[in-house]
């Protein structure tokens, strides 16, 4: 689901992109294109830091809370740019490799009790424009409900 579009209340599942229209995963192209350059090192740093933020968010999320988590790195059935996504009723984290081969972290909060702690971890990447706080549409709760409704149930579980 495109995070900038309002979710449809009729949505039942996400349909895969037909094989002939799928783009190669951008993160794989970025690794091949940039080799051991400064861009490659920055991307690796962003990905490693995202994993630390992800682990901290899971650690701080209350037990028995429903979450959606999906690793998109080896599946381009939906999106060639997506690398990973985590969402609960209070936090949204998303890692992507954009069209210019730059890794980016997007995030949003909804009355998150550990928002300040996560924002502190994100601070270095806000300064280099590699992370951005977004507003989910039409609102956080509706977006999360739609994610739970349309995504495959194997990606939805309790912590």
N, C-alpha and C. Protein backbone atom coordinates (compact mmCIF):
# COMPACT_ATOMS: atom_id res chain seq x y z
N UNK A 1 0.85 -1.17 0.00
CA UNK A 1 0.00 0.00 0.00
C UNK A 1 0.89 1.22 0.00
N UNK A 2 0.59 2.16 -0.83
CA UNK A 2 1.33 3.41 -0.88
C UNK A 2 0.96 4.24 0.34
N UNK A 3 1.95 4.64 1.11
CA UNK A 3 1.70 5.33 2.38
C UNK A 3 1.09 6.71 2.20
N UNK A 4 1.11 7.26 0.98
CA UNK A 4 0.55 8.59 0.73
C UNK A 4 -0.90 8.54 0.28
N UNK A 5 -1.43 7.36 0.05
CA UNK A 5 -2.81 7.23 -0.39
C UNK A 5 -3.70 6.85 0.79
N UNK A 6 -4.93 7.29 0.73
CA UNK A 6 -5.89 6.90 1.74
C UNK A 6 -6.27 5.45 1.51
N UNK A 7 -6.32 4.62 2.55
CA UNK A 7 -6.67 3.23 2.37
C UNK A 7 -8.14 3.07 2.00
N UNK A 8 -8.42 2.06 1.24
CA UNK A 8 -9.79 1.76 0.84
C UNK A 8 -10.42 0.84 1.88
N UNK A 9 -11.64 1.15 2.25
CA UNK A 9 -12.31 0.30 3.23
C UNK A 9 -12.72 -1.03 2.61
N UNK A 10 -12.73 -1.13 1.28
CA UNK A 10 -13.10 -2.35 0.59
C UNK A 10 -11.91 -3.26 0.34
N UNK A 11 -10.70 -2.80 0.65
CA UNK A 11 -9.50 -3.57 0.36
C UNK A 11 -9.50 -4.87 1.17
N UNK A 12 -9.23 -5.97 0.50
CA UNK A 12 -9.18 -7.27 1.16
C UNK A 12 -7.76 -7.83 1.18
N UNK A 13 -6.99 -7.60 0.14
CA UNK A 13 -5.61 -8.04 0.09
C UNK A 13 -4.86 -7.25 -0.96
N UNK A 14 -3.55 -7.29 -0.87
CA UNK A 14 -2.73 -6.59 -1.84
C UNK A 14 -2.45 -7.55 -2.98
N UNK A 15 -2.70 -7.10 -4.18
CA UNK A 15 -2.46 -7.93 -5.35
C UNK A 15 -1.02 -7.76 -5.80
N UNK A 16 -0.34 -8.86 -6.11
CA UNK A 16 1.04 -8.73 -6.57
C UNK A 16 1.11 -8.05 -7.94
N UNK A 17 2.22 -7.39 -8.18
CA UNK A 17 2.46 -6.76 -9.48
C UNK A 17 2.75 -7.89 -10.48
N UNK A 18 2.11 -7.88 -11.64
CA UNK A 18 2.41 -8.93 -12.63
C UNK A 18 3.91 -8.97 -12.94
N UNK A 19 4.45 -10.16 -13.13
CA UNK A 19 5.88 -10.38 -13.30
C UNK A 19 6.49 -9.46 -14.37
N UNK A 20 5.81 -9.26 -15.49
CA UNK A 20 6.38 -8.47 -16.58
C UNK A 20 6.51 -6.99 -16.23
N UNK A 21 5.84 -6.52 -15.18
CA UNK A 21 5.90 -5.12 -14.79
C UNK A 21 6.75 -4.87 -13.55
N UNK A 22 7.33 -5.89 -12.98
CA UNK A 22 8.12 -5.73 -11.76
C UNK A 22 9.48 -5.13 -12.07
N UNK A 23 9.88 -4.19 -11.23
CA UNK A 23 11.21 -3.61 -11.31
C UNK A 23 12.15 -4.42 -10.43
N UNK A 24 13.43 -4.46 -10.77
CA UNK A 24 14.38 -5.12 -9.86
C UNK A 24 14.45 -4.36 -8.54
N UNK A 25 14.75 -5.07 -7.47
CA UNK A 25 14.86 -4.42 -6.17
C UNK A 25 15.97 -3.37 -6.21
N UNK A 26 15.65 -2.16 -5.76
CA UNK A 26 16.59 -1.04 -5.83
C UNK A 26 17.82 -1.27 -4.95
N UNK A 27 17.66 -1.90 -3.80
CA UNK A 27 18.81 -2.09 -2.92
C UNK A 27 19.84 -3.02 -3.56
N UNK A 28 19.37 -4.01 -4.34
CA UNK A 28 20.31 -4.90 -5.03
C UNK A 28 21.06 -4.15 -6.13
N UNK A 29 20.33 -3.32 -6.86
CA UNK A 29 20.97 -2.50 -7.90
C UNK A 29 21.96 -1.52 -7.27
N UNK A 30 21.60 -0.96 -6.12
CA UNK A 30 22.49 -0.01 -5.44
C UNK A 30 23.80 -0.68 -5.05
N UNK A 31 23.72 -1.90 -4.55
CA UNK A 31 24.95 -2.60 -4.16
C UNK A 31 25.84 -2.89 -5.36
N UNK A 32 25.23 -3.27 -6.46
CA UNK A 32 26.01 -3.55 -7.68
C UNK A 32 26.58 -2.27 -8.27
N UNK A 33 25.80 -1.21 -8.25
CA UNK A 33 26.19 0.05 -8.89
C UNK A 33 27.29 0.77 -8.13
N UNK A 34 27.21 0.79 -6.80
CA UNK A 34 28.11 1.64 -6.04
C UNK A 34 29.31 0.92 -5.44
N UNK A 35 29.29 -0.42 -5.39
CA UNK A 35 30.45 -1.13 -4.86
C UNK A 35 30.85 -0.60 -3.51
N UNK A 36 32.12 -0.28 -3.35
CA UNK A 36 32.65 0.18 -2.07
C UNK A 36 32.87 1.70 -2.08
N UNK A 37 31.85 2.44 -2.41
CA UNK A 37 31.95 3.90 -2.46
C UNK A 37 31.38 4.50 -1.19
N UNK A 38 31.46 5.81 -1.09
CA UNK A 38 30.89 6.51 0.06
C UNK A 38 29.38 6.28 0.14
N UNK A 39 28.70 6.29 -1.02
CA UNK A 39 27.25 6.04 -1.05
C UNK A 39 26.93 4.66 -0.48
N UNK A 40 27.69 3.67 -0.88
CA UNK A 40 27.48 2.31 -0.40
C UNK A 40 27.68 2.24 1.12
N UNK A 41 28.73 2.89 1.60
CA UNK A 41 29.01 2.89 3.04
C UNK A 41 27.89 3.58 3.82
N UNK A 42 27.37 4.69 3.29
CA UNK A 42 26.27 5.38 3.95
C UNK A 42 25.03 4.48 3.99
N UNK A 43 24.73 3.83 2.88
CA UNK A 43 23.58 2.92 2.85
C UNK A 43 23.72 1.79 3.86
N UNK A 44 24.90 1.20 3.94
CA UNK A 44 25.13 0.13 4.92
C UNK A 44 24.96 0.65 6.35
N UNK A 45 25.43 1.86 6.59
CA UNK A 45 25.29 2.47 7.91
C UNK A 45 23.82 2.70 8.26
N UNK A 46 23.06 3.21 7.30
CA UNK A 46 21.64 3.47 7.53
C UNK A 46 20.91 2.16 7.81
N UNK A 47 21.21 1.12 7.04
CA UNK A 47 20.55 -0.18 7.24
C UNK A 47 20.90 -0.77 8.61
N UNK A 48 22.17 -0.71 9.00
CA UNK A 48 22.58 -1.23 10.30
C UNK A 48 21.91 -0.45 11.43
N UNK A 49 21.84 0.86 11.28
CA UNK A 49 21.22 1.69 12.31
C UNK A 49 19.71 1.42 12.37
N UNK A 50 19.09 1.24 11.21
CA UNK A 50 17.66 0.91 11.18
C UNK A 50 17.40 -0.37 11.97
N UNK A 51 18.27 -1.36 11.81
CA UNK A 51 18.10 -2.63 12.53
C UNK A 51 18.21 -2.42 14.04
N UNK A 52 19.10 -1.53 14.47
CA UNK A 52 19.21 -1.23 15.91
C UNK A 52 17.95 -0.52 16.41
N UNK A 53 17.44 0.41 15.61
CA UNK A 53 16.20 1.13 15.98
C UNK A 53 15.04 0.14 16.04
N UNK A 54 14.98 -0.75 15.07
CA UNK A 54 13.93 -1.77 15.02
C UNK A 54 13.98 -2.66 16.26
N UNK A 55 15.16 -3.11 16.62
CA UNK A 55 15.31 -3.95 17.82
C UNK A 55 14.87 -3.19 19.07
N UNK A 56 15.24 -1.92 19.17
CA UNK A 56 14.86 -1.12 20.33
C UNK A 56 13.35 -0.91 20.37
N UNK A 57 12.74 -0.64 19.21
CA UNK A 57 11.28 -0.46 19.16
C UNK A 57 10.56 -1.74 19.59
N UNK A 58 11.05 -2.88 19.17
CA UNK A 58 10.43 -4.15 19.57
C UNK A 58 10.62 -4.40 21.07
N UNK A 59 11.80 -4.05 21.57
CA UNK A 59 12.08 -4.22 22.99
C UNK A 59 11.14 -3.35 23.84
N UNK A 60 10.86 -2.14 23.38
CA UNK A 60 10.04 -1.20 24.15
C UNK A 60 8.54 -1.37 23.93
N UNK A 61 8.16 -2.09 22.87
CA UNK A 61 6.74 -2.32 22.60
C UNK A 61 6.19 -3.29 23.64
N UNK A 62 5.07 -2.97 24.24
CA UNK A 62 4.49 -3.87 25.25
C UNK A 62 4.23 -5.27 24.69
N UNK A 63 4.41 -6.26 25.54
CA UNK A 63 4.14 -7.64 25.12
C UNK A 63 2.66 -7.80 24.82
N UNK A 64 2.35 -8.77 24.03
CA UNK A 64 0.98 -9.06 23.59
C UNK A 64 0.38 -7.95 22.73
N UNK A 65 1.23 -7.16 22.10
CA UNK A 65 0.74 -6.13 21.18
C UNK A 65 0.85 -6.65 19.75
N UNK A 66 -0.22 -6.46 18.97
CA UNK A 66 -0.22 -6.90 17.60
C UNK A 66 0.64 -5.98 16.75
N UNK A 67 1.50 -6.59 15.91
CA UNK A 67 2.33 -5.81 15.01
C UNK A 67 2.29 -6.42 13.61
N UNK A 68 2.58 -5.58 12.65
CA UNK A 68 2.84 -6.02 11.28
C UNK A 68 4.33 -5.82 11.06
N UNK A 69 5.01 -6.87 10.59
CA UNK A 69 6.42 -6.75 10.27
C UNK A 69 6.71 -7.57 9.02
N UNK A 70 7.39 -6.93 8.08
CA UNK A 70 7.69 -7.64 6.83
C UNK A 70 9.04 -7.19 6.28
N UNK A 71 9.83 -8.17 5.90
CA UNK A 71 11.10 -7.94 5.23
C UNK A 71 10.84 -8.06 3.73
N UNK A 72 10.95 -6.97 3.02
CA UNK A 72 10.65 -6.92 1.58
C UNK A 72 11.90 -7.08 0.72
N UNK A 73 13.06 -7.25 1.32
CA UNK A 73 14.30 -7.19 0.54
C UNK A 73 14.36 -8.21 -0.61
N UNK A 74 13.81 -9.36 -0.42
CA UNK A 74 13.90 -10.39 -1.47
C UNK A 74 12.58 -10.66 -2.16
N UNK A 75 11.64 -9.73 -2.04
CA UNK A 75 10.33 -9.90 -2.68
C UNK A 75 9.93 -8.57 -3.32
N UNK A 76 9.78 -8.57 -4.63
CA UNK A 76 9.34 -7.34 -5.29
C UNK A 76 7.95 -7.50 -5.89
N UNK A 77 7.17 -8.38 -5.30
CA UNK A 77 5.80 -8.60 -5.78
C UNK A 77 4.93 -7.35 -5.56
N UNK A 78 5.29 -6.52 -4.61
CA UNK A 78 4.50 -5.32 -4.31
C UNK A 78 5.24 -4.04 -4.62
N UNK A 79 6.54 -3.99 -4.30
CA UNK A 79 7.23 -2.71 -4.33
C UNK A 79 8.74 -2.94 -4.49
N UNK A 80 9.34 -2.37 -5.49
CA UNK A 80 10.77 -2.53 -5.74
C UNK A 80 11.62 -1.69 -4.78
N UNK A 81 11.02 -0.72 -4.11
CA UNK A 81 11.77 0.20 -3.26
C UNK A 81 11.78 -0.24 -1.79
N UNK A 82 10.76 -0.94 -1.36
CA UNK A 82 10.63 -1.34 0.05
C UNK A 82 11.70 -2.35 0.45
N UNK A 83 12.22 -2.16 1.67
CA UNK A 83 13.18 -3.10 2.23
C UNK A 83 12.63 -3.75 3.49
N UNK A 84 11.98 -2.97 4.35
CA UNK A 84 11.45 -3.52 5.60
C UNK A 84 10.38 -2.57 6.14
N UNK A 85 9.42 -3.15 6.86
CA UNK A 85 8.39 -2.33 7.49
C UNK A 85 7.98 -2.96 8.82
N UNK A 86 7.75 -2.11 9.80
CA UNK A 86 7.22 -2.51 11.09
C UNK A 86 6.15 -1.51 11.47
N UNK A 87 5.03 -2.03 11.95
CA UNK A 87 3.96 -1.14 12.39
C UNK A 87 3.20 -1.78 13.53
N UNK A 88 2.93 -0.96 14.54
CA UNK A 88 2.05 -1.34 15.63
C UNK A 88 1.02 -0.22 15.77
N UNK A 89 0.24 -0.28 16.83
CA UNK A 89 -0.75 0.80 17.00
C UNK A 89 -0.11 2.11 17.46
N UNK A 90 1.23 2.10 17.72
CA UNK A 90 1.87 3.33 18.19
C UNK A 90 3.10 3.76 17.38
N UNK A 91 3.65 2.88 16.55
CA UNK A 91 4.87 3.24 15.81
C UNK A 91 4.84 2.64 14.41
N UNK A 92 5.42 3.38 13.48
CA UNK A 92 5.58 2.95 12.10
C UNK A 92 7.03 3.21 11.71
N UNK A 93 7.73 2.16 11.26
CA UNK A 93 9.10 2.28 10.78
C UNK A 93 9.17 1.64 9.39
N UNK A 94 9.86 2.30 8.49
CA UNK A 94 9.91 1.82 7.11
C UNK A 94 11.28 2.14 6.52
N UNK A 95 11.93 1.16 5.95
CA UNK A 95 13.22 1.33 5.30
C UNK A 95 13.04 1.09 3.81
N UNK A 96 13.56 2.01 3.00
CA UNK A 96 13.46 1.86 1.55
C UNK A 96 14.76 2.27 0.89
N UNK A 97 14.91 1.83 -0.35
CA UNK A 97 15.99 2.30 -1.22
C UNK A 97 15.29 3.07 -2.33
N UNK A 98 15.47 4.38 -2.36
CA UNK A 98 14.72 5.20 -3.29
C UNK A 98 15.23 5.08 -4.73
N UNK A 99 14.61 5.82 -5.60
CA UNK A 99 14.92 5.73 -7.03
C UNK A 99 16.37 6.13 -7.32
N UNK A 100 16.95 6.97 -6.48
CA UNK A 100 18.34 7.42 -6.65
C UNK A 100 19.33 6.54 -5.89
N UNK A 101 18.87 5.39 -5.40
CA UNK A 101 19.70 4.40 -4.70
C UNK A 101 20.12 4.84 -3.30
N UNK A 102 19.40 5.77 -2.72
CA UNK A 102 19.67 6.20 -1.35
C UNK A 102 18.74 5.49 -0.39
N UNK A 103 19.28 4.93 0.68
CA UNK A 103 18.44 4.33 1.71
C UNK A 103 17.82 5.45 2.53
N UNK A 104 16.55 5.24 2.89
CA UNK A 104 15.82 6.23 3.68
C UNK A 104 14.97 5.52 4.72
N UNK A 105 14.83 6.16 5.86
CA UNK A 105 13.96 5.66 6.93
C UNK A 105 12.79 6.62 7.06
N UNK A 106 11.58 6.08 7.02
CA UNK A 106 10.39 6.89 7.31
C UNK A 106 9.81 6.37 8.61
N UNK A 107 9.19 7.27 9.37
CA UNK A 107 8.64 6.86 10.65
C UNK A 107 7.45 7.75 11.00
N UNK A 108 6.60 7.21 11.85
CA UNK A 108 5.45 7.95 12.37
C UNK A 108 5.13 7.39 13.75
N UNK A 109 4.51 8.23 14.57
CA UNK A 109 4.15 7.83 15.92
C UNK A 109 2.68 8.14 16.18
N UNK A 110 2.09 7.37 17.09
CA UNK A 110 0.70 7.56 17.49
C UNK A 110 0.62 7.35 19.00
N UNK A 111 0.75 8.41 19.75
CA UNK A 111 0.75 8.31 21.22
C UNK A 111 1.74 7.24 21.70
N UNK A 112 2.90 7.26 21.13
CA UNK A 112 3.92 6.24 21.42
C UNK A 112 4.65 6.59 22.72
N UNK A 113 4.62 5.70 23.71
CA UNK A 113 5.26 6.01 24.99
C UNK A 113 6.79 6.09 24.92
N UNK A 114 7.39 5.56 23.86
CA UNK A 114 8.84 5.59 23.72
C UNK A 114 9.29 6.40 22.50
N UNK A 115 8.45 7.34 22.07
CA UNK A 115 8.74 8.18 20.91
C UNK A 115 10.05 8.95 21.07
N UNK A 116 10.27 9.56 22.21
CA UNK A 116 11.49 10.36 22.42
C UNK A 116 12.74 9.51 22.28
N UNK A 117 12.68 8.30 22.79
CA UNK A 117 13.85 7.41 22.71
C UNK A 117 14.16 7.02 21.27
N UNK A 118 13.13 6.74 20.48
CA UNK A 118 13.33 6.37 19.07
C UNK A 118 13.79 7.59 18.28
N UNK A 119 13.22 8.75 18.54
CA UNK A 119 13.65 9.96 17.83
C UNK A 119 15.12 10.29 18.13
N UNK A 120 15.54 10.00 19.33
CA UNK A 120 16.95 10.23 19.68
C UNK A 120 17.85 9.32 18.83
N UNK A 121 17.43 8.08 18.62
CA UNK A 121 18.20 7.16 17.78
C UNK A 121 18.18 7.56 16.31
N UNK A 122 17.11 8.21 15.88
CA UNK A 122 16.98 8.65 14.49
C UNK A 122 17.70 9.96 14.20
N UNK A 123 18.03 10.71 15.22
CA UNK A 123 18.58 12.05 15.05
C UNK A 123 19.74 12.14 14.05
N UNK A 124 20.73 11.25 14.07
CA UNK A 124 21.84 11.39 13.10
C UNK A 124 21.37 11.34 11.64
N UNK A 125 20.31 10.60 11.38
CA UNK A 125 19.87 10.44 10.00
C UNK A 125 18.90 11.53 9.57
N UNK A 126 18.30 12.21 10.52
CA UNK A 126 17.51 13.39 10.19
C UNK A 126 18.45 14.48 9.67
N UNK A 127 19.61 14.58 10.29
CA UNK A 127 20.58 15.61 9.92
C UNK A 127 21.12 15.45 8.51
N UNK A 128 21.20 14.23 8.01
CA UNK A 128 21.71 13.99 6.65
C UNK A 128 20.58 13.68 5.67
N UNK A 129 19.35 14.02 6.06
CA UNK A 129 18.17 13.83 5.20
C UNK A 129 17.95 12.37 4.79
N UNK A 130 18.32 11.44 5.67
CA UNK A 130 18.10 10.03 5.39
C UNK A 130 16.93 9.46 6.17
N UNK A 131 16.28 10.29 6.96
CA UNK A 131 15.07 9.85 7.66
C UNK A 131 14.08 11.01 7.70
N UNK A 132 12.82 10.63 7.77
CA UNK A 132 11.78 11.65 7.73
C UNK A 132 10.55 11.17 8.49
N UNK A 133 10.02 12.05 9.32
CA UNK A 133 8.75 11.76 9.99
C UNK A 133 7.63 12.09 9.01
N UNK A 134 6.69 11.18 8.88
CA UNK A 134 5.59 11.36 7.93
C UNK A 134 4.25 11.30 8.66
N UNK A 135 3.21 11.73 7.98
CA UNK A 135 1.85 11.62 8.47
C UNK A 135 1.15 10.55 7.63
N UNK A 136 0.68 9.51 8.28
CA UNK A 136 -0.04 8.47 7.56
C UNK A 136 -1.45 8.95 7.28
N UNK A 137 -1.98 8.58 6.11
CA UNK A 137 -3.28 9.09 5.68
C UNK A 137 -4.31 7.98 5.59
N UNK A 138 -5.54 8.24 5.98
CA UNK A 138 -6.08 9.50 6.45
C UNK A 138 -5.66 9.82 7.88
N UNK A 139 -5.36 8.80 8.66
CA UNK A 139 -4.80 8.99 10.01
C UNK A 139 -4.11 7.69 10.40
N UNK A 140 -3.33 7.73 11.45
CA UNK A 140 -2.52 6.58 11.87
C UNK A 140 -3.38 5.34 12.13
N UNK A 141 -4.43 5.49 12.93
CA UNK A 141 -5.25 4.33 13.32
C UNK A 141 -5.94 3.67 12.13
N UNK A 142 -6.47 4.47 11.22
CA UNK A 142 -7.14 3.92 10.03
C UNK A 142 -6.12 3.21 9.14
N UNK A 143 -4.96 3.81 8.98
CA UNK A 143 -3.91 3.20 8.16
C UNK A 143 -3.51 1.85 8.75
N UNK A 144 -3.28 1.80 10.07
CA UNK A 144 -2.89 0.56 10.72
C UNK A 144 -3.97 -0.50 10.57
N UNK A 145 -5.22 -0.14 10.76
CA UNK A 145 -6.33 -1.09 10.59
C UNK A 145 -6.37 -1.64 9.17
N UNK A 146 -6.10 -0.79 8.20
CA UNK A 146 -6.10 -1.23 6.81
C UNK A 146 -4.93 -2.17 6.54
N UNK A 147 -3.76 -1.85 7.07
CA UNK A 147 -2.61 -2.74 6.93
C UNK A 147 -2.94 -4.13 7.46
N UNK A 148 -3.53 -4.17 8.64
CA UNK A 148 -3.89 -5.47 9.24
C UNK A 148 -4.92 -6.20 8.38
N UNK A 149 -5.77 -5.46 7.70
CA UNK A 149 -6.82 -6.05 6.88
C UNK A 149 -6.30 -6.57 5.53
N UNK A 150 -5.35 -5.85 4.92
CA UNK A 150 -4.94 -6.21 3.56
C UNK A 150 -3.68 -7.05 3.48
N UNK A 151 -2.82 -6.97 4.46
CA UNK A 151 -1.57 -7.74 4.39
C UNK A 151 -1.80 -9.20 4.76
N UNK A 152 -0.95 -10.05 4.21
CA UNK A 152 -1.01 -11.47 4.50
C UNK A 152 -0.85 -11.69 6.01
N UNK A 153 -1.66 -12.54 6.57
CA UNK A 153 -1.67 -12.77 8.02
C UNK A 153 -0.35 -13.32 8.55
N UNK A 154 0.49 -13.91 7.69
CA UNK A 154 1.77 -14.45 8.16
C UNK A 154 2.73 -13.34 8.62
N UNK A 155 2.45 -12.10 8.24
CA UNK A 155 3.29 -10.97 8.65
C UNK A 155 2.73 -10.23 9.86
N UNK A 156 1.63 -10.72 10.39
CA UNK A 156 0.99 -10.09 11.54
C UNK A 156 1.11 -11.04 12.73
N UNK A 157 1.66 -10.55 13.82
CA UNK A 157 1.85 -11.39 15.00
C UNK A 157 1.88 -10.53 16.26
N UNK A 158 1.97 -11.20 17.38
CA UNK A 158 2.05 -10.54 18.68
C UNK A 158 3.49 -10.62 19.19
N UNK A 159 3.93 -9.55 19.81
CA UNK A 159 5.28 -9.56 20.42
C UNK A 159 5.23 -10.33 21.71
